[in-house]
Amino acid sequence: MLNIDIICVGKIKEKFFSNAIDEYSKRLKKYCKLNIIEVQDEKLPSKINNSIINEIKQKECEKIKQKIKNNSYVICLDLNGKNYTSPRLF
């Protein structure tokens, strides 16, 4: 069975999103094993600049990389990334 791990930064706080995740997890159960892995987000200091933002991103990146299993096929989702159809991902 296909294992899908979704690694995200921070807790999912909004009830709407939690309900949606539960619903999709239930629908996908017969096709794959879905795991939502949350890594702790870095706290933003009161005064920030680009250097601090880049440092925070690097720390969160390291946390994500620690959760990626060997021999995994990795897909990074980004609001500014390219759009692909589902068949094209595989």
PDB file of N, CA and C in Angstrom:
ATOM      1  N   MET A   1       0.849  -1.181   0.000  1.00  0.00           N
ATOM      2  CA  MET A   1       0.000   0.000   0.000  1.00  0.00           C
ATOM      3  C   MET A   1       0.892   1.241   0.000  1.00  0.00           C
ATOM      4  N   LEU A   2       0.470   2.236  -0.710  1.00  0.00           N
ATOM      5  CA  LEU A   2       1.204   3.494  -0.823  1.00  0.00           C
ATOM      6  C   LEU A   2       1.147   4.259   0.500  1.00  0.00           C
ATOM      7  N   ASN A   3       2.296   4.750   0.938  1.00  0.00           N
ATOM      8  CA  ASN A   3       2.373   5.593   2.135  1.00  0.00           C
ATOM      9  C   ASN A   3       2.590   7.034   1.700  1.00  0.00           C
ATOM     10  N   ILE A   4       1.768   7.938   2.194  1.00  0.00           N
ATOM     11  CA  ILE A   4       1.918   9.354   1.906  1.00  0.00           C
ATOM     12  C   ILE A   4       2.103  10.081   3.233  1.00  0.00           C
ATOM     13  N   ASP A   5       3.237  10.750   3.356  1.00  0.00           N
ATOM     14  CA  ASP A   5       3.523  11.565   4.534  1.00  0.00           C
ATOM     15  C   ASP A   5       3.453  13.026   4.126  1.00  0.00           C
ATOM     16  N   ILE A   6       2.628  13.784   4.792  1.00  0.00           N
ATOM     17  CA  ILE A   6       2.562  15.223   4.579  1.00  0.00           C
ATOM     18  C   ILE A   6       3.232  15.876   5.773  1.00  0.00           C
ATOM     19  N   ILE A   7       4.330  16.561   5.486  1.00  0.00           N
ATOM     20  CA  ILE A   7       5.095  17.217   6.542  1.00  0.00           C
ATOM     21  C   ILE A   7       4.792  18.706   6.466  1.00  0.00           C
ATOM     22  N   CYS A   8       4.309  19.258   7.559  1.00  0.00           N
ATOM     23  CA  CYS A   8       3.968  20.678   7.570  1.00  0.00           C
ATOM     24  C   CYS A   8       4.583  21.353   8.792  1.00  0.00           C
ATOM     25  N   VAL A   9       4.799  22.637   8.653  1.00  0.00           N
ATOM     26  CA  VAL A   9       5.387  23.424   9.728  1.00  0.00           C
ATOM     27  C   VAL A   9       4.265  24.051  10.534  1.00  0.00           C
ATOM     28  N   GLY A  10       4.274  23.813  11.831  1.00  0.00           N
ATOM     29  CA  GLY A  10       3.277  24.394  12.719  1.00  0.00           C
ATOM     30  C   GLY A  10       2.071  23.495  12.901  1.00  0.00           C
ATOM     31  N   LYS A  11       1.307  23.801  13.901  1.00  0.00           N
ATOM     32  CA  LYS A  11       0.076  23.063  14.213  1.00  0.00           C
ATOM     33  C   LYS A  11      -1.059  23.538  13.325  1.00  0.00           C
ATOM     34  N   ILE A  12      -1.926  22.622  12.994  1.00  0.00           N
ATOM     35  CA  ILE A  12      -3.127  22.973  12.245  1.00  0.00           C
ATOM     36  C   ILE A  12      -4.169  23.360  13.293  1.00  0.00           C
ATOM     37  N   LYS A  13      -4.435  24.656  13.387  1.00  0.00           N
ATOM     38  CA  LYS A  13      -5.292  25.170  14.461  1.00  0.00           C
ATOM     39  C   LYS A  13      -6.746  25.337  14.048  1.00  0.00           C
ATOM     40  N   GLU A  14      -6.959  25.641  12.775  1.00  0.00           N
ATOM     41  CA  GLU A  14      -8.307  25.937  12.304  1.00  0.00           C
ATOM     42  C   GLU A  14      -9.139  24.660  12.232  1.00  0.00           C
ATOM     43  N   LYS A  15     -10.295  24.701  12.848  1.00  0.00           N
ATOM     44  CA  LYS A  15     -11.191  23.544  12.874  1.00  0.00           C
ATOM     45  C   LYS A  15     -11.591  23.124  11.461  1.00  0.00           C
ATOM     46  N   PHE A  16     -11.789  24.107  10.576  1.00  0.00           N
ATOM     47  CA  PHE A  16     -12.162  23.814   9.195  1.00  0.00           C
ATOM     48  C   PHE A  16     -11.120  22.914   8.533  1.00  0.00           C
ATOM     49  N   PHE A  17      -9.840  23.241   8.699  1.00  0.00           N
ATOM     50  CA  PHE A  17      -8.790  22.448   8.086  1.00  0.00           C
ATOM     51  C   PHE A  17      -8.679  21.068   8.724  1.00  0.00           C
ATOM     52  N   SER A  18      -8.806  21.009  10.031  1.00  0.00           N
ATOM     53  CA  SER A  18      -8.768  19.713  10.716  1.00  0.00           C
ATOM     54  C   SER A  18      -9.890  18.797  10.236  1.00  0.00           C
ATOM     55  N   ASN A  19     -11.079  19.364  10.082  1.00  0.00           N
ATOM     56  CA  ASN A  19     -12.212  18.574   9.581  1.00  0.00           C
ATOM     57  C   ASN A  19     -11.969  18.108   8.152  1.00  0.00           C
ATOM     58  N   ALA A  20     -11.409  18.979   7.328  1.00  0.00           N
ATOM     59  CA  ALA A  20     -11.120  18.620   5.933  1.00  0.00           C
ATOM     60  C   ALA A  20     -10.076  17.510   5.870  1.00  0.00           C
ATOM     61  N   ILE A  21      -9.038  17.603   6.691  1.00  0.00           N
ATOM     62  CA  ILE A  21      -8.004  16.569   6.736  1.00  0.00           C
ATOM     63  C   ILE A  21      -8.607  15.241   7.156  1.00  0.00           C
ATOM     64  N   ASP A  22      -9.455  15.260   8.171  1.00  0.00           N
ATOM     65  CA  ASP A  22     -10.111  14.030   8.627  1.00  0.00           C
ATOM     66  C   ASP A  22     -10.957  13.417   7.515  1.00  0.00           C
ATOM     67  N   GLU A  23     -11.682  14.258   6.794  1.00  0.00           N
ATOM     68  CA  GLU A  23     -12.549  13.761   5.715  1.00  0.00           C
ATOM     69  C   GLU A  23     -11.726  13.151   4.585  1.00  0.00           C
ATOM     70  N   TYR A  24     -10.691  13.840   4.145  1.00  0.00           N
ATOM     71  CA  TYR A  24      -9.853  13.309   3.068  1.00  0.00           C
ATOM     72  C   TYR A  24      -9.101  12.061   3.513  1.00  0.00           C
ATOM     73  N   SER A  25      -8.647  12.032   4.749  1.00  0.00           N
ATOM     74  CA  SER A  25      -7.968  10.845   5.265  1.00  0.00           C
ATOM     75  C   SER A  25      -8.900   9.640   5.217  1.00  0.00           C
ATOM     76  N   LYS A  26     -10.142   9.858   5.588  1.00  0.00           N
ATOM     77  CA  LYS A  26     -11.132   8.779   5.564  1.00  0.00           C
ATOM     78  C   LYS A  26     -11.354   8.294   4.129  1.00  0.00           C
ATOM     79  N   ARG A  27     -11.442   9.215   3.190  1.00  0.00           N
ATOM     80  CA  ARG A  27     -11.658   8.849   1.783  1.00  0.00           C
ATOM     81  C   ARG A  27     -10.466   8.116   1.185  1.00  0.00           C
ATOM     82  N   LEU A  28      -9.266   8.507   1.605  1.00  0.00           N
ATOM     83  CA  LEU A  28      -8.061   7.909   1.032  1.00  0.00           C
ATOM     84  C   LEU A  28      -7.659   6.594   1.681  1.00  0.00           C
ATOM     85  N   LYS A  29      -8.275   6.255   2.791  1.00  0.00           N
ATOM     86  CA  LYS A  29      -7.880   5.099   3.579  1.00  0.00           C
ATOM     87  C   LYS A  29      -7.786   3.809   2.772  1.00  0.00           C
ATOM     88  N   LYS A  30      -8.674   3.610   1.798  1.00  0.00           N
ATOM     89  CA  LYS A  30      -8.648   2.361   1.030  1.00  0.00           C
ATOM     90  C   LYS A  30      -7.589   2.372  -0.072  1.00  0.00           C
ATOM     91  N   TYR A  31      -6.987   3.542  -0.352  1.00  0.00           N
ATOM     92  CA  TYR A  31      -5.995   3.649  -1.408  1.00  0.00           C
ATOM     93  C   TYR A  31      -4.563   3.814  -0.904  1.00  0.00           C
ATOM     94  N   CYS A  32      -4.419   4.392   0.278  1.00  0.00           N
ATOM     95  CA  CYS A  32      -3.077   4.658   0.794  1.00  0.00           C
ATOM     96  C   CYS A  32      -3.133   4.852   2.306  1.00  0.00           C
ATOM     97  N   LYS A  33      -1.944   4.896   2.883  1.00  0.00           N
ATOM     98  CA  LYS A  33      -1.827   5.243   4.299  1.00  0.00           C
ATOM     99  C   LYS A  33      -1.325   6.682   4.358  1.00  0.00           C
ATOM    100  N   LEU A  34      -2.138   7.571   4.920  1.00  0.00           N
ATOM    101  CA  LEU A  34      -1.822   8.989   4.977  1.00  0.00           C
ATOM    102  C   LEU A  34      -1.397   9.371   6.395  1.00  0.00           C
ATOM    103  N   ASN A  35      -0.240  10.031   6.482  1.00  0.00           N
ATOM    104  CA  ASN A  35       0.272  10.504   7.768  1.00  0.00           C
ATOM    105  C   ASN A  35       0.497  12.009   7.682  1.00  0.00           C
ATOM    106  N   ILE A  36      -0.024  12.733   8.641  1.00  0.00           N
ATOM    107  CA  ILE A  36       0.235  14.171   8.740  1.00  0.00           C
ATOM    108  C   ILE A  36       1.281  14.351   9.837  1.00  0.00           C
ATOM    109  N   ILE A  37       2.425  14.903   9.457  1.00  0.00           N
ATOM    110  CA  ILE A  37       3.525  15.098  10.402  1.00  0.00           C
ATOM    111  C   ILE A  37       3.720  16.594  10.573  1.00  0.00           C
ATOM    112  N   GLU A  38       3.558  17.065  11.784  1.00  0.00           N
ATOM    113  CA  GLU A  38       3.715  18.488  12.074  1.00  0.00           C
ATOM    114  C   GLU A  38       5.050  18.703  12.783  1.00  0.00           C
ATOM    115  N   VAL A  39       5.841  19.633  12.253  1.00  0.00           N
ATOM    116  CA  VAL A  39       7.073  20.014  12.939  1.00  0.00           C
ATOM    117  C   VAL A  39       6.855  21.383  13.564  1.00  0.00           C
ATOM    118  N   GLN A  40       7.484  21.601  14.686  1.00  0.00           N
ATOM    119  CA  GLN A  40       7.273  22.855  15.408  1.00  0.00           C
ATOM    120  C   GLN A  40       7.833  24.025  14.612  1.00  0.00           C
ATOM    121  N   ASP A  41       7.050  25.090  14.517  1.00  0.00           N
ATOM    122  CA  ASP A  41       7.509  26.289  13.831  1.00  0.00           C
ATOM    123  C   ASP A  41       8.406  27.102  14.754  1.00  0.00           C
ATOM    124  N   GLU A  42       9.274  27.867  14.148  1.00  0.00           N
ATOM    125  CA  GLU A  42      10.158  28.751  14.899  1.00  0.00           C
ATOM    126  C   GLU A  42       9.389  30.018  15.257  1.00  0.00           C
ATOM    127  N   LYS A  43       9.614  30.506  16.426  1.00  0.00           N
ATOM    128  CA  LYS A  43       8.948  31.730  16.868  1.00  0.00           C
ATOM    129  C   LYS A  43       9.622  32.948  16.250  1.00  0.00           C
ATOM    130  N   LEU A  44       8.802  33.892  15.824  1.00  0.00           N
ATOM    131  CA  LEU A  44       9.326  35.118  15.241  1.00  0.00           C
ATOM    132  C   LEU A  44       9.650  36.132  16.340  1.00  0.00           C
ATOM    133  N   PRO A  45      10.845  36.701  16.299  1.00  0.00           N
ATOM    134  CA  PRO A  45      11.161  37.750  17.267  1.00  0.00           C
ATOM    135  C   PRO A  45      10.391  39.020  16.921  1.00  0.00           C
ATOM    136  N   SER A  46      10.345  39.942  17.849  1.00  0.00           N
ATOM    137  CA  SER A  46       9.595  41.180  17.615  1.00  0.00           C
ATOM    138  C   SER A  46      10.215  42.031  16.508  1.00  0.00           C
ATOM    139  N   LYS A  47      11.522  41.994  16.408  1.00  0.00           N
ATOM    140  CA  LYS A  47      12.198  42.722  15.334  1.00  0.00           C
ATOM    141  C   LYS A  47      12.776  41.701  14.358  1.00  0.00           C
ATOM    142  N   ILE A  48      12.325  41.773  13.100  1.00  0.00           N
ATOM    143  CA  ILE A  48      12.831  40.825  12.109  1.00  0.00           C
ATOM    144  C   ILE A  48      13.388  41.567  10.895  1.00  0.00           C
ATOM    145  N   ASN A  49      14.288  40.877  10.215  1.00  0.00           N
ATOM    146  CA  ASN A  49      14.819  41.372   8.954  1.00  0.00           C
ATOM    147  C   ASN A  49      15.026  40.154   8.047  1.00  0.00           C
ATOM    148  N   ASN A  50      15.496  40.379   6.843  1.00  0.00           N
ATOM    149  CA  ASN A  50      15.660  39.274   5.890  1.00  0.00           C
ATOM    150  C   ASN A  50      16.625  38.212   6.389  1.00  0.00           C
ATOM    151  N   SER A  51      17.653  38.618   7.087  1.00  0.00           N
ATOM    152  CA  SER A  51      18.624  37.669   7.629  1.00  0.00           C
ATOM    153  C   SER A  51      17.967  36.734   8.649  1.00  0.00           C
ATOM    154  N   ILE A  52      17.162  37.295   9.534  1.00  0.00           N
ATOM    155  CA  ILE A  52      16.473  36.495  10.549  1.00  0.00           C
ATOM    156  C   ILE A  52      15.440  35.585   9.889  1.00  0.00           C
ATOM    157  N   ILE A  53      14.721  36.092   8.909  1.00  0.00           N
ATOM    158  CA  ILE A  53      13.734  35.273   8.196  1.00  0.00           C
ATOM    159  C   ILE A  53      14.415  34.082   7.523  1.00  0.00           C
ATOM    160  N   ASN A  54      15.545  34.327   6.869  1.00  0.00           N
ATOM    161  CA  ASN A  54      16.279  33.233   6.216  1.00  0.00           C
ATOM    162  C   ASN A  54      16.790  32.215   7.228  1.00  0.00           C
ATOM    163  N   GLU A  55      17.226  32.680   8.382  1.00  0.00           N
ATOM    164  CA  GLU A  55      17.699  31.787   9.441  1.00  0.00           C
ATOM    165  C   GLU A  55      16.547  30.913   9.952  1.00  0.00           C
ATOM    166  N   ILE A  56      15.385  31.495  10.136  1.00  0.00           N
ATOM    167  CA  ILE A  56      14.204  30.744  10.591  1.00  0.00           C
ATOM    168  C   ILE A  56      13.805  29.706   9.545  1.00  0.00           C
ATOM    169  N   LYS A  57      13.798  30.113   8.275  1.00  0.00           N
ATOM    170  CA  LYS A  57      13.469  29.168   7.199  1.00  0.00           C
ATOM    171  C   LYS A  57      14.443  28.000   7.185  1.00  0.00           C
ATOM    172  N   GLN A  58      15.726  28.292   7.392  1.00  0.00           N
ATOM    173  CA  GLN A  58      16.744  27.234   7.396  1.00  0.00           C
ATOM    174  C   GLN A  58      16.503  26.249   8.548  1.00  0.00           C
ATOM    175  N   LYS A  59      16.182  26.768   9.733  1.00  0.00           N
ATOM    176  CA  LYS A  59      15.907  25.899  10.882  1.00  0.00           C
ATOM    177  C   LYS A  59      14.680  25.020  10.628  1.00  0.00           C
ATOM    178  N   GLU A  60      13.631  25.605  10.063  1.00  0.00           N
ATOM    179  CA  GLU A  60      12.422  24.828   9.767  1.00  0.00           C
ATOM    180  C   GLU A  60      12.691  23.813   8.665  1.00  0.00           C
ATOM    181  N   CYS A  61      13.525  24.186   7.716  1.00  0.00           N
ATOM    182  CA  CYS A  61      13.920  23.261   6.651  1.00  0.00           C
ATOM    183  C   CYS A  61      14.629  22.035   7.235  1.00  0.00           C
ATOM    184  N   GLU A  62      15.526  22.252   8.165  1.00  0.00           N
ATOM    185  CA  GLU A  62      16.238  21.142   8.803  1.00  0.00           C
ATOM    186  C   GLU A  62      15.271  20.214   9.531  1.00  0.00           C
ATOM    187  N   LYS A  63      14.278  20.772  10.196  1.00  0.00           N
ATOM    188  CA  LYS A  63      13.282  19.955  10.891  1.00  0.00           C
ATOM    189  C   LYS A  63      12.502  19.097   9.901  1.00  0.00           C
ATOM    190  N   ILE A  64      12.154  19.688   8.755  1.00  0.00           N
ATOM    191  CA  ILE A  64      11.429  18.943   7.723  1.00  0.00           C
ATOM    192  C   ILE A  64      12.302  17.819   7.178  1.00  0.00           C
ATOM    193  N   LYS A  65      13.564  18.134   6.868  1.00  0.00           N
ATOM    194  CA  LYS A  65      14.466  17.130   6.298  1.00  0.00           C
ATOM    195  C   LYS A  65      14.661  15.936   7.236  1.00  0.00           C
ATOM    196  N   GLN A  66      14.627  16.185   8.534  1.00  0.00           N
ATOM    197  CA  GLN A  66      14.778  15.088   9.502  1.00  0.00           C
ATOM    198  C   GLN A  66      13.605  14.112   9.445  1.00  0.00           C
ATOM    199  N   LYS A  67      12.458  14.580   8.990  1.00  0.00           N
ATOM    200  CA  LYS A  67      11.260  13.736   8.947  1.00  0.00           C
ATOM    201  C   LYS A  67      11.106  12.975   7.631  1.00  0.00           C
ATOM    202  N   ILE A  68      11.918  13.311   6.631  1.00  0.00           N
ATOM    203  CA  ILE A  68      11.818  12.640   5.338  1.00  0.00           C
ATOM    204  C   ILE A  68      12.545  11.304   5.418  1.00  0.00           C
ATOM    205  N   LYS A  69      11.840  10.243   5.066  1.00  0.00           N
ATOM    206  CA  LYS A  69      12.415   8.899   5.110  1.00  0.00           C
ATOM    207  C   LYS A  69      13.296   8.664   3.889  1.00  0.00           C
ATOM    208  N   ASN A  70      14.285   7.783   4.062  1.00  0.00           N
ATOM    209  CA  ASN A  70      15.160   7.413   2.940  1.00  0.00           C
ATOM    210  C   ASN A  70      14.329   6.830   1.810  1.00  0.00           C
ATOM    211  N   ASN A  71      14.773   7.040   0.591  1.00  0.00           N
ATOM    212  CA  ASN A  71      14.123   6.520  -0.613  1.00  0.00           C
ATOM    213  C   ASN A  71      12.712   7.063  -0.808  1.00  0.00           C
ATOM    214  N   SER A  72      12.429   8.225  -0.268  1.00  0.00           N
ATOM    215  CA  SER A  72      11.113   8.854  -0.449  1.00  0.00           C
ATOM    216  C   SER A  72      11.097   9.661  -1.738  1.00  0.00           C
ATOM    217  N   TYR A  73       9.941   9.727  -2.352  1.00  0.00           N
ATOM    218  CA  TYR A  73       9.702  10.604  -3.490  1.00  0.00           C
ATOM    219  C   TYR A  73       9.152  11.888  -2.893  1.00  0.00           C
ATOM    220  N   VAL A  74       9.878  12.990  -3.048  1.00  0.00           N
ATOM    221  CA  VAL A  74       9.534  14.232  -2.356  1.00  0.00           C
ATOM    222  C   VAL A  74       8.887  15.214  -3.323  1.00  0.00           C
ATOM    223  N   ILE A  75       7.749  15.762  -2.902  1.00  0.00           N
ATOM    224  CA  ILE A  75       7.065  16.814  -3.638  1.00  0.00           C
ATOM    225  C   ILE A  75       6.915  17.989  -2.683  1.00  0.00           C
ATOM    226  N   CYS A  76       7.445  19.119  -3.067  1.00  0.00           N
ATOM    227  CA  CYS A  76       7.370  20.318  -2.229  1.00  0.00           C
ATOM    228  C   CYS A  76       6.236  21.198  -2.734  1.00  0.00           C
ATOM    229  N   LEU A  77       5.342  21.575  -1.850  1.00  0.00           N
ATOM    230  CA  LEU A  77       4.238  22.453  -2.210  1.00  0.00           C
ATOM    231  C   LEU A  77       4.584  23.874  -1.802  1.00  0.00           C
ATOM    232  N   ASP A  78       4.413  24.782  -2.743  1.00  0.00           N
ATOM    233  CA  ASP A  78       4.749  26.184  -2.513  1.00  0.00           C
ATOM    234  C   ASP A  78       3.714  27.044  -3.219  1.00  0.00           C
ATOM    235  N   LEU A  79       3.244  28.082  -2.549  1.00  0.00           N
ATOM    236  CA  LEU A  79       2.247  28.965  -3.158  1.00  0.00           C
ATOM    237  C   LEU A  79       2.742  29.572  -4.466  1.00  0.00           C
ATOM    238  N   ASN A  80       4.053  29.744  -4.599  1.00  0.00           N
ATOM    239  CA  ASN A  80       4.620  30.343  -5.804  1.00  0.00           C
ATOM    240  C   ASN A  80       5.178  29.307  -6.779  1.00  0.00           C
ATOM    241  N   GLY A  81       4.926  28.028  -6.520  1.00  0.00           N
ATOM    242  CA  GLY A  81       5.469  26.969  -7.364  1.00  0.00           C
ATOM    243  C   GLY A  81       4.652  26.742  -8.626  1.00  0.00           C
ATOM    244  N   LYS A  82       5.129  25.807  -9.452  1.00  0.00           N
ATOM    245  CA  LYS A  82       4.446  25.445 -10.688  1.00  0.00           C
ATOM    246  C   LYS A  82       3.247  24.548 -10.377  1.00  0.00           C
ATOM    247  N   ASN A  83       2.220  24.643 -11.196  1.00  0.00           N
ATOM    248  CA  ASN A  83       1.037  23.786 -11.058  1.00  0.00           C
ATOM    249  C   ASN A  83       1.213  22.539 -11.912  1.00  0.00           C
ATOM    250  N   TYR A  84       0.892  21.386 -11.346  1.00  0.00           N
ATOM    251  CA  TYR A  84       0.933  20.119 -12.056  1.00  0.00           C
ATOM    252  C   TYR A  84      -0.393  19.393 -11.872  1.00  0.00           C
ATOM    253  N   THR A  85      -0.759  18.615 -12.859  1.00  0.00           N
ATOM    254  CA  THR A  85      -1.920  17.752 -12.713  1.00  0.00           C
ATOM    255  C   THR A  85      -1.513  16.533 -11.904  1.00  0.00           C
ATOM    256  N   SER A  86      -2.451  15.842 -11.301  1.00  0.00           N
ATOM    257  CA  SER A  86      -2.140  14.660 -10.494  1.00  0.00           C
ATOM    258  C   SER A  86      -1.365  13.610 -11.277  1.00  0.00           C
ATOM    259  N   PRO A  87      -1.788  13.243 -12.500  1.00  0.00           N
ATOM    260  CA  PRO A  87      -1.023  12.223 -13.241  1.00  0.00           C
ATOM    261  C   PRO A  87       0.420  12.644 -13.520  1.00  0.00           C
ATOM    262  N   ARG A  88       0.657  13.912 -13.691  1.00  0.00           N
ATOM    263  CA  ARG A  88       2.016  14.386 -14.002  1.00  0.00           C
ATOM    264  C   ARG A  88       2.949  14.245 -12.795  1.00  0.00           C
ATOM    265  N   LEU A  89       2.408  14.235 -11.578  1.00  0.00           N
ATOM    266  CA  LEU A  89       3.250  14.099 -10.388  1.00  0.00           C
ATOM    267  C   LEU A  89       3.919  12.734 -10.342  1.00  0.00           C
ATOM    268  N   PHE A  90       3.278  11.742 -10.941  1.00  0.00           N
ATOM    269  CA  PHE A  90       3.811  10.381 -10.876  1.00  0.00           C
ATOM    270  C   PHE A  90       4.285   9.980 -12.239  1.00  0.00           C
TER     271      PHE A  90
END
